[in-house]
């Protein structure tokens, strides 16, 4: 996959994960709870994930309303779990 497509795919995964967790990353930046340079870093961190397909499947099930796939916390395999969890506690 070309690098720009990889970045787009993972940017979408980061955004979808945030949304599934009830977070609006742009709003977090505007409120000063997330540094503006953190978003690109989160996307780059996501590109290092070995299970992007699993993440996509988890998010798709959640978005489809599968009660078993409800996200009350960041999945253990997410490379951005620490950031998402920290924002969720605020």
PDB file of N, CA and C in Angstrom:
ATOM      1  N   UNK A   1       0.854  -1.177   0.000  1.00  0.00           N
ATOM      2  CA  UNK A   1       0.000   0.000   0.000  1.00  0.00           C
ATOM      3  C   UNK A   1       0.896   1.235   0.000  1.00  0.00           C
ATOM      4  N   UNK A   2       0.618   2.209  -0.869  1.00  0.00           N
ATOM      5  CA  UNK A   2       1.418   3.443  -0.897  1.00  0.00           C
ATOM      6  C   UNK A   2       1.362   4.152   0.461  1.00  0.00           C
ATOM      7  N   UNK A   3       2.456   4.829   0.822  1.00  0.00           N
ATOM      8  CA  UNK A   3       2.519   5.484   2.137  1.00  0.00           C
ATOM      9  C   UNK A   3       1.351   6.424   2.423  1.00  0.00           C
ATOM     10  N   UNK A   4       0.914   7.207   1.428  1.00  0.00           N
ATOM     11  CA  UNK A   4      -0.179   8.145   1.703  1.00  0.00           C
ATOM     12  C   UNK A   4      -1.485   7.399   1.995  1.00  0.00           C
ATOM     13  N   UNK A   5      -1.675   6.244   1.380  1.00  0.00           N
ATOM     14  CA  UNK A   5      -2.881   5.452   1.648  1.00  0.00           C
ATOM     15  C   UNK A   5      -2.808   4.838   3.046  1.00  0.00           C
ATOM     16  N   UNK A   6      -1.619   4.431   3.450  1.00  0.00           N
ATOM     17  CA  UNK A   6      -1.430   3.884   4.799  1.00  0.00           C
ATOM     18  C   UNK A   6      -1.758   4.949   5.838  1.00  0.00           C
ATOM     19  N   UNK A   7      -1.262   6.158   5.628  1.00  0.00           N
ATOM     20  CA  UNK A   7      -1.544   7.242   6.570  1.00  0.00           C
ATOM     21  C   UNK A   7      -3.033   7.556   6.617  1.00  0.00           C
ATOM     22  N   UNK A   8      -3.685   7.586   5.467  1.00  0.00           N
ATOM     23  CA  UNK A   8      -5.133   7.839   5.445  1.00  0.00           C
ATOM     24  C   UNK A   8      -5.891   6.750   6.187  1.00  0.00           C
ATOM     25  N   UNK A   9      -5.515   5.511   5.950  1.00  0.00           N
ATOM     26  CA  UNK A   9      -6.195   4.391   6.607  1.00  0.00           C
ATOM     27  C   UNK A   9      -6.073   4.497   8.121  1.00  0.00           C
ATOM     28  N   UNK A  10      -4.864   4.799   8.589  1.00  0.00           N
ATOM     29  CA  UNK A  10      -4.649   4.855  10.032  1.00  0.00           C
ATOM     30  C   UNK A  10      -5.208   6.132  10.649  1.00  0.00           C
ATOM     31  N   UNK A  11      -5.234   7.217   9.896  1.00  0.00           N
ATOM     32  CA  UNK A  11      -5.890   8.431  10.389  1.00  0.00           C
ATOM     33  C   UNK A  11      -7.376   8.146  10.610  1.00  0.00           C
ATOM     34  N   UNK A  12      -7.971   7.404   9.685  1.00  0.00           N
ATOM     35  CA  UNK A  12      -9.384   7.045   9.835  1.00  0.00           C
ATOM     36  C   UNK A  12      -9.587   6.125  11.030  1.00  0.00           C
ATOM     37  N   UNK A  13      -8.670   5.182  11.248  1.00  0.00           N
ATOM     38  CA  UNK A  13      -8.795   4.285  12.404  1.00  0.00           C
ATOM     39  C   UNK A  13      -8.688   5.063  13.714  1.00  0.00           C
ATOM     40  N   UNK A  14      -7.751   6.003  13.789  1.00  0.00           N
ATOM     41  CA  UNK A  14      -7.606   6.819  15.002  1.00  0.00           C
ATOM     42  C   UNK A  14      -8.884   7.608  15.247  1.00  0.00           C
ATOM     43  N   UNK A  15      -9.424   8.218  14.208  1.00  0.00           N
ATOM     44  CA  UNK A  15     -10.652   8.997  14.350  1.00  0.00           C
ATOM     45  C   UNK A  15     -11.828   8.108  14.759  1.00  0.00           C
ATOM     46  N   UNK A  16     -11.945   6.958  14.128  1.00  0.00           N
ATOM     47  CA  UNK A  16     -13.046   6.036  14.455  1.00  0.00           C
ATOM     48  C   UNK A  16     -12.923   5.524  15.888  1.00  0.00           C
ATOM     49  N   UNK A  17     -11.699   5.231  16.341  1.00  0.00           N
ATOM     50  CA  UNK A  17     -11.500   4.757  17.711  1.00  0.00           C
ATOM     51  C   UNK A  17     -11.891   5.856  18.689  1.00  0.00           C
ATOM     52  N   UNK A  18     -11.468   7.076  18.420  1.00  0.00           N
ATOM     53  CA  UNK A  18     -11.828   8.200  19.295  1.00  0.00           C
ATOM     54  C   UNK A  18     -13.344   8.344  19.368  1.00  0.00           C
ATOM     55  N   UNK A  19     -14.002   8.299  18.234  1.00  0.00           N
ATOM     56  CA  UNK A  19     -15.456   8.439  18.186  1.00  0.00           C
ATOM     57  C   UNK A  19     -16.130   7.308  18.961  1.00  0.00           C
ATOM     58  N   UNK A  20     -15.634   6.096  18.789  1.00  0.00           N
ATOM     59  CA  UNK A  20     -16.205   4.943  19.501  1.00  0.00           C
ATOM     60  C   UNK A  20     -16.072   5.097  21.008  1.00  0.00           C
ATOM     61  N   UNK A  21     -15.038   5.805  21.425  1.00  0.00           N
ATOM     62  CA  UNK A  21     -14.802   6.022  22.854  1.00  0.00           C
ATOM     63  C   UNK A  21     -15.461   7.305  23.361  1.00  0.00           C
ATOM     64  N   UNK A  22     -16.194   7.978  22.480  1.00  0.00           N
ATOM     65  CA  UNK A  22     -16.888   9.205  22.879  1.00  0.00           C
ATOM     66  C   UNK A  22     -15.987  10.419  22.924  1.00  0.00           C
ATOM     67  N   UNK A  23     -14.892  10.390  22.175  1.00  0.00           N
ATOM     68  CA  UNK A  23     -13.952  11.505  22.166  1.00  0.00           C
ATOM     69  C   UNK A  23     -13.979  12.219  20.826  1.00  0.00           C
ATOM     70  N   UNK A  24     -13.813  13.520  20.862  1.00  0.00           N
ATOM     71  CA  UNK A  24     -13.672  14.342  19.669  1.00  0.00           C
ATOM     72  C   UNK A  24     -12.272  14.938  19.746  1.00  0.00           C
ATOM     73  N   UNK A  25     -11.345  14.372  18.978  1.00  0.00           N
ATOM     74  CA  UNK A  25      -9.952  14.793  19.089  1.00  0.00           C
ATOM     75  C   UNK A  25      -9.736  16.248  18.710  1.00  0.00           C
ATOM     76  N   UNK A  26     -10.460  16.744  17.741  1.00  0.00           N
ATOM     77  CA  UNK A  26     -10.325  18.157  17.377  1.00  0.00           C
ATOM     78  C   UNK A  26     -10.764  19.049  18.526  1.00  0.00           C
ATOM     79  N   UNK A  27     -11.830  18.670  19.191  1.00  0.00           N
ATOM     80  CA  UNK A  27     -12.307  19.434  20.347  1.00  0.00           C
ATOM     81  C   UNK A  27     -11.286  19.361  21.492  1.00  0.00           C
ATOM     82  N   UNK A  28     -10.675  18.210  21.664  1.00  0.00           N
ATOM     83  CA  UNK A  28      -9.652  18.048  22.716  1.00  0.00           C
ATOM     84  C   UNK A  28      -8.473  18.983  22.449  1.00  0.00           C
ATOM     85  N   UNK A  29      -8.095  19.131  21.191  1.00  0.00           N
ATOM     86  CA  UNK A  29      -7.019  20.057  20.829  1.00  0.00           C
ATOM     87  C   UNK A  29      -7.457  21.494  21.106  1.00  0.00           C
ATOM     88  N   UNK A  30      -8.662  21.849  20.678  1.00  0.00           N
ATOM     89  CA  UNK A  30      -9.154  23.219  20.879  1.00  0.00           C
ATOM     90  C   UNK A  30      -9.238  23.578  22.354  1.00  0.00           C
ATOM     91  N   UNK A  31      -9.560  22.621  23.192  1.00  0.00           N
ATOM     92  CA  UNK A  31      -9.675  22.878  24.638  1.00  0.00           C
ATOM     93  C   UNK A  31      -8.332  22.791  25.354  1.00  0.00           C
ATOM     94  N   UNK A  32      -7.282  22.456  24.603  1.00  0.00           N
ATOM     95  CA  UNK A  32      -5.946  22.401  25.193  1.00  0.00           C
ATOM     96  C   UNK A  32      -5.653  21.137  25.972  1.00  0.00           C
ATOM     97  N   UNK A  33      -6.487  20.128  25.844  1.00  0.00           N
ATOM     98  CA  UNK A  33      -6.263  18.869  26.560  1.00  0.00           C
ATOM     99  C   UNK A  33      -5.401  17.894  25.759  1.00  0.00           C
ATOM    100  N   UNK A  34      -5.173  18.236  24.481  1.00  0.00           N
ATOM    101  CA  UNK A  34      -4.349  17.419  23.603  1.00  0.00           C
ATOM    102  C   UNK A  34      -3.530  18.365  22.748  1.00  0.00           C
ATOM    103  N   UNK A  35      -2.236  18.175  22.734  1.00  0.00           N
ATOM    104  CA  UNK A  35      -1.362  19.030  21.934  1.00  0.00           C
ATOM    105  C   UNK A  35      -1.677  18.848  20.449  1.00  0.00           C
ATOM    106  N   UNK A  36      -1.601  19.932  19.699  1.00  0.00           N
ATOM    107  CA  UNK A  36      -1.944  19.861  18.273  1.00  0.00           C
ATOM    108  C   UNK A  36      -1.025  18.917  17.512  1.00  0.00           C
ATOM    109  N   UNK A  37       0.211  18.773  17.952  1.00  0.00           N
ATOM    110  CA  UNK A  37       1.112  17.854  17.261  1.00  0.00           C
ATOM    111  C   UNK A  37       0.910  16.402  17.697  1.00  0.00           C
ATOM    112  N   UNK A  38       0.015  16.167  18.637  1.00  0.00           N
ATOM    113  CA  UNK A  38      -0.246  14.798  19.089  1.00  0.00           C
ATOM    114  C   UNK A  38      -1.015  13.989  18.051  1.00  0.00           C
ATOM    115  N   UNK A  39      -1.887  14.630  17.285  1.00  0.00           N
ATOM    116  CA  UNK A  39      -2.693  13.897  16.299  1.00  0.00           C
ATOM    117  C   UNK A  39      -1.839  13.198  15.251  1.00  0.00           C
ATOM    118  N   UNK A  40      -0.893  13.904  14.599  1.00  0.00           N
ATOM    119  CA  UNK A  40      -0.057  13.188  13.634  1.00  0.00           C
ATOM    120  C   UNK A  40       0.766  12.083  14.292  1.00  0.00           C
ATOM    121  N   UNK A  41       1.202  12.319  15.525  1.00  0.00           N
ATOM    122  CA  UNK A  41       1.959  11.289  16.245  1.00  0.00           C
ATOM    123  C   UNK A  41       1.089  10.062  16.521  1.00  0.00           C
ATOM    124  N   UNK A  42      -0.169  10.290  16.831  1.00  0.00           N
ATOM    125  CA  UNK A  42      -1.086   9.171  17.063  1.00  0.00           C
ATOM    126  C   UNK A  42      -1.271   8.355  15.792  1.00  0.00           C
ATOM    127  N   UNK A  43      -1.389   9.046  14.663  1.00  0.00           N
ATOM    128  CA  UNK A  43      -1.550   8.343  13.381  1.00  0.00           C
ATOM    129  C   UNK A  43      -0.292   7.532  13.074  1.00  0.00           C
ATOM    130  N   UNK A  44       0.880   8.133  13.259  1.00  0.00           N
ATOM    131  CA  UNK A  44       2.119   7.404  13.005  1.00  0.00           C
ATOM    132  C   UNK A  44       2.257   6.200  13.923  1.00  0.00           C
ATOM    133  N   UNK A  45       1.889   6.365  15.192  1.00  0.00           N
ATOM    134  CA  UNK A  45       1.935   5.250  16.139  1.00  0.00           C
ATOM    135  C   UNK A  45       1.004   4.132  15.675  1.00  0.00           C
ATOM    136  N   UNK A  46      -0.147   4.521  15.178  1.00  0.00           N
ATOM    137  CA  UNK A  46      -1.134   3.557  14.688  1.00  0.00           C
ATOM    138  C   UNK A  46      -0.591   2.758  13.494  1.00  0.00           C
ATOM    139  N   UNK A  47       0.214   3.405  12.646  1.00  0.00           N
ATOM    140  CA  UNK A  47       0.754   2.693  11.480  1.00  0.00           C
ATOM    141  C   UNK A  47       1.658   1.542  11.890  1.00  0.00           C
ATOM    142  N   UNK A  48       2.171   1.582  13.112  1.00  0.00           N
ATOM    143  CA  UNK A  48       3.024   0.502  13.608  1.00  0.00           C
ATOM    144  C   UNK A  48       2.252  -0.669  14.182  1.00  0.00           C
ATOM    145  N   UNK A  49       0.936  -0.578  14.170  1.00  0.00           N
ATOM    146  CA  UNK A  49       0.103  -1.648  14.717  1.00  0.00           C
ATOM    147  C   UNK A  49       0.165  -2.874  13.814  1.00  0.00           C
ATOM    148  N   UNK A  50       0.255  -4.017  14.421  1.00  0.00           N
ATOM    149  CA  UNK A  50       0.291  -5.258  13.669  1.00  0.00           C
ATOM    150  C   UNK A  50      -1.080  -5.844  13.407  1.00  0.00           C
ATOM    151  N   UNK A  51      -2.134  -5.206  13.912  1.00  0.00           N
ATOM    152  CA  UNK A  51      -3.474  -5.766  13.750  1.00  0.00           C
ATOM    153  C   UNK A  51      -4.493  -4.702  13.337  1.00  0.00           C
ATOM    154  N   UNK A  52      -4.156  -3.953  12.294  1.00  0.00           N
ATOM    155  CA  UNK A  52      -5.083  -2.932  11.811  1.00  0.00           C
ATOM    156  C   UNK A  52      -6.394  -3.557  11.339  1.00  0.00           C
ATOM    157  N   UNK A  53      -6.321  -4.750  10.761  1.00  0.00           N
ATOM    158  CA  UNK A  53      -7.540  -5.430  10.308  1.00  0.00           C
ATOM    159  C   UNK A  53      -8.424  -5.790  11.504  1.00  0.00           C
ATOM    160  N   UNK A  54      -7.823  -6.220  12.600  1.00  0.00           N
ATOM    161  CA  UNK A  54      -8.584  -6.530  13.811  1.00  0.00           C
ATOM    162  C   UNK A  54      -9.210  -5.286  14.409  1.00  0.00           C
ATOM    163  N   UNK A  55      -8.471  -4.194  14.370  1.00  0.00           N
ATOM    164  CA  UNK A  55      -8.997  -2.921  14.860  1.00  0.00           C
ATOM    165  C   UNK A  55     -10.192  -2.515  14.012  1.00  0.00           C
ATOM    166  N   UNK A  56     -10.049  -2.605  12.712  1.00  0.00           N
ATOM    167  CA  UNK A  56     -11.138  -2.260  11.804  1.00  0.00           C
ATOM    168  C   UNK A  56     -12.360  -3.122  12.080  1.00  0.00           C
ATOM    169  N   UNK A  57     -12.145  -4.414  12.291  1.00  0.00           N
ATOM    170  CA  UNK A  57     -13.265  -5.318  12.572  1.00  0.00           C
ATOM    171  C   UNK A  57     -13.948  -4.954  13.886  1.00  0.00           C
ATOM    172  N   UNK A  58     -13.159  -4.644  14.905  1.00  0.00           N
ATOM    173  CA  UNK A  58     -13.714  -4.248  16.199  1.00  0.00           C
ATOM    174  C   UNK A  58     -14.542  -2.978  16.054  1.00  0.00           C
ATOM    175  N   UNK A  59     -14.009  -2.004  15.351  1.00  0.00           N
ATOM    176  CA  UNK A  59     -14.721  -0.740  15.161  1.00  0.00           C
ATOM    177  C   UNK A  59     -15.967  -0.917  14.306  1.00  0.00           C
ATOM    178  N   UNK A  60     -15.879  -1.737  13.283  1.00  0.00           N
ATOM    179  CA  UNK A  60     -17.047  -1.988  12.434  1.00  0.00           C
ATOM    180  C   UNK A  60     -18.170  -2.647  13.221  1.00  0.00           C
ATOM    181  N   UNK A  61     -17.824  -3.614  14.076  1.00  0.00           N
ATOM    182  CA  UNK A  61     -18.837  -4.273  14.906  1.00  0.00           C
ATOM    183  C   UNK A  61     -19.461  -3.270  15.868  1.00  0.00           C
ATOM    184  N   UNK A  62     -18.630  -2.421  16.452  1.00  0.00           N
ATOM    185  CA  UNK A  62     -19.136  -1.389  17.361  1.00  0.00           C
ATOM    186  C   UNK A  62     -20.082  -0.441  16.622  1.00  0.00           C
ATOM    187  N   UNK A  63     -19.669   0.005  15.456  1.00  0.00           N
ATOM    188  CA  UNK A  63     -20.470   0.948  14.669  1.00  0.00           C
ATOM    189  C   UNK A  63     -21.779   0.328  14.180  1.00  0.00           C
ATOM    190  N   UNK A  64     -21.781  -0.997  14.032  1.00  0.00           N
ATOM    191  CA  UNK A  64     -22.990  -1.693  13.597  1.00  0.00           C
ATOM    192  C   UNK A  64     -23.961  -1.922  14.754  1.00  0.00           C
ATOM    193  N   UNK A  65     -23.541  -1.547  15.967  1.00  0.00           N
ATOM    194  CA  UNK A  65     -24.425  -1.668  17.122  1.00  0.00           C
ATOM    195  C   UNK A  65     -24.346  -3.001  17.833  1.00  0.00           C
ATOM    196  N   UNK A  66     -23.323  -3.780  17.554  1.00  0.00           N
ATOM    197  CA  UNK A  66     -23.140  -5.067  18.218  1.00  0.00           C
ATOM    198  C   UNK A  66     -22.871  -4.817  19.706  1.00  0.00           C
ATOM    199  N   UNK A  67     -23.803  -5.222  20.554  1.00  0.00           N
ATOM    200  CA  UNK A  67     -23.674  -4.975  21.996  1.00  0.00           C
ATOM    201  C   UNK A  67     -22.413  -5.599  22.563  1.00  0.00           C
ATOM    202  N   UNK A  68     -21.990  -6.723  22.020  1.00  0.00           N
ATOM    203  CA  UNK A  68     -20.776  -7.379  22.502  1.00  0.00           C
ATOM    204  C   UNK A  68     -19.527  -6.583  22.130  1.00  0.00           C
ATOM    205  N   UNK A  69     -19.664  -5.677  21.172  1.00  0.00           N
ATOM    206  CA  UNK A  69     -18.518  -4.890  20.719  1.00  0.00           C
ATOM    207  C   UNK A  69     -18.536  -3.474  21.286  1.00  0.00           C
ATOM    208  N   UNK A  70     -19.384  -3.214  22.271  1.00  0.00           N
ATOM    209  CA  UNK A  70     -19.441  -1.882  22.883  1.00  0.00           C
ATOM    210  C   UNK A  70     -18.075  -1.555  23.483  1.00  0.00           C
ATOM    211  N   UNK A  71     -17.622  -0.332  23.268  1.00  0.00           N
ATOM    212  CA  UNK A  71     -16.308   0.068  23.762  1.00  0.00           C
ATOM    213  C   UNK A  71     -16.458   0.985  24.969  1.00  0.00           C
ATOM    214  N   UNK A  72     -16.203   0.434  26.139  1.00  0.00           N
ATOM    215  CA  UNK A  72     -16.202   1.250  27.345  1.00  0.00           C
ATOM    216  C   UNK A  72     -14.776   1.670  27.692  1.00  0.00           C
ATOM    217  N   UNK A  73     -13.819   1.020  27.061  1.00  0.00           N
ATOM    218  CA  UNK A  73     -12.422   1.389  27.234  1.00  0.00           C
ATOM    219  C   UNK A  73     -11.664   1.029  25.961  1.00  0.00           C
ATOM    220  N   UNK A  74     -10.487   1.577  25.828  1.00  0.00           N
ATOM    221  CA  UNK A  74      -9.676   1.332  24.641  1.00  0.00           C
ATOM    222  C   UNK A  74      -9.250  -0.131  24.601  1.00  0.00           C
ATOM    223  N   UNK A  75      -9.361  -0.774  23.452  1.00  0.00           N
ATOM    224  CA  UNK A  75      -8.900  -2.170  23.352  1.00  0.00           C
ATOM    225  C   UNK A  75      -7.426  -2.285  23.731  1.00  0.00           C
ATOM    226  N   UNK A  76      -7.069  -3.389  24.339  1.00  0.00           N
ATOM    227  CA  UNK A  76      -5.716  -3.595  24.847  1.00  0.00           C
ATOM    228  C   UNK A  76      -4.652  -3.485  23.752  1.00  0.00           C
ATOM    229  N   UNK A  77      -5.015  -3.805  22.525  1.00  0.00           N
ATOM    230  CA  UNK A  77      -4.027  -3.844  21.449  1.00  0.00           C
ATOM    231  C   UNK A  77      -3.759  -2.474  20.824  1.00  0.00           C
ATOM    232  N   UNK A  78      -4.529  -1.460  21.207  1.00  0.00           N
ATOM    233  CA  UNK A  78      -4.388  -0.135  20.586  1.00  0.00           C
ATOM    234  C   UNK A  78      -3.090   0.529  21.047  1.00  0.00           C
ATOM    235  N   UNK A  79      -2.301   0.957  20.089  1.00  0.00           N
ATOM    236  CA  UNK A  79      -1.021   1.611  20.392  1.00  0.00           C
ATOM    237  C   UNK A  79      -1.213   3.021  20.959  1.00  0.00           C
ATOM    238  N   UNK A  80      -2.419   3.545  20.890  1.00  0.00           N
ATOM    239  CA  UNK A  80      -2.738   4.865  21.444  1.00  0.00           C
ATOM    240  C   UNK A  80      -3.605   4.766  22.694  1.00  0.00           C
ATOM    241  N   UNK A  81      -3.672   3.589  23.276  1.00  0.00           N
ATOM    242  CA  UNK A  81      -4.546   3.374  24.433  1.00  0.00           C
ATOM    243  C   UNK A  81      -4.264   4.360  25.563  1.00  0.00           C
ATOM    244  N   UNK A  82      -3.012   4.619  25.850  1.00  0.00           N
ATOM    245  CA  UNK A  82      -2.674   5.529  26.943  1.00  0.00           C
ATOM    246  C   UNK A  82      -3.250   6.915  26.736  1.00  0.00           C
ATOM    247  N   UNK A  83      -3.163   7.415  25.524  1.00  0.00           N
ATOM    248  CA  UNK A  83      -3.694   8.749  25.221  1.00  0.00           C
ATOM    249  C   UNK A  83      -5.213   8.743  25.295  1.00  0.00           C
ATOM    250  N   UNK A  84      -5.832   7.761  24.649  1.00  0.00           N
ATOM    251  CA  UNK A  84      -7.295   7.684  24.680  1.00  0.00           C
ATOM    252  C   UNK A  84      -7.803   7.539  26.114  1.00  0.00           C
ATOM    253  N   UNK A  85      -7.162   6.691  26.887  1.00  0.00           N
ATOM    254  CA  UNK A  85      -7.601   6.478  28.272  1.00  0.00           C
ATOM    255  C   UNK A  85      -7.444   7.746  29.103  1.00  0.00           C
ATOM    256  N   UNK A  86      -6.326   8.435  28.904  1.00  0.00           N
ATOM    257  CA  UNK A  86      -6.095   9.689  29.631  1.00  0.00           C
ATOM    258  C   UNK A  86      -7.158  10.725  29.281  1.00  0.00           C
ATOM    259  N   UNK A  87      -7.461  10.860  28.013  1.00  0.00           N
ATOM    260  CA  UNK A  87      -8.501  11.824  27.595  1.00  0.00           C
ATOM    261  C   UNK A  87      -9.870  11.416  28.123  1.00  0.00           C
ATOM    262  N   UNK A  88     -10.143  10.143  28.179  1.00  0.00           N
ATOM    263  CA  UNK A  88     -11.422   9.660  28.671  1.00  0.00           C
ATOM    264  C   UNK A  88     -11.627   9.924  30.156  1.00  0.00           C
ATOM    265  N   UNK A  89     -10.539  10.001  30.899  1.00  0.00           N
ATOM    266  CA  UNK A  89     -10.630  10.268  32.343  1.00  0.00           C
ATOM    267  C   UNK A  89     -10.847  11.735  32.658  1.00  0.00           C
ATOM    268  N   UNK A  90     -10.600  12.611  31.687  1.00  0.00           N
ATOM    269  CA  UNK A  90     -10.721  14.064  31.930  1.00  0.00           C
ATOM    270  C   UNK A  90     -12.146  14.528  31.839  1.00  0.00           C
TER     271      UNK A  90
END
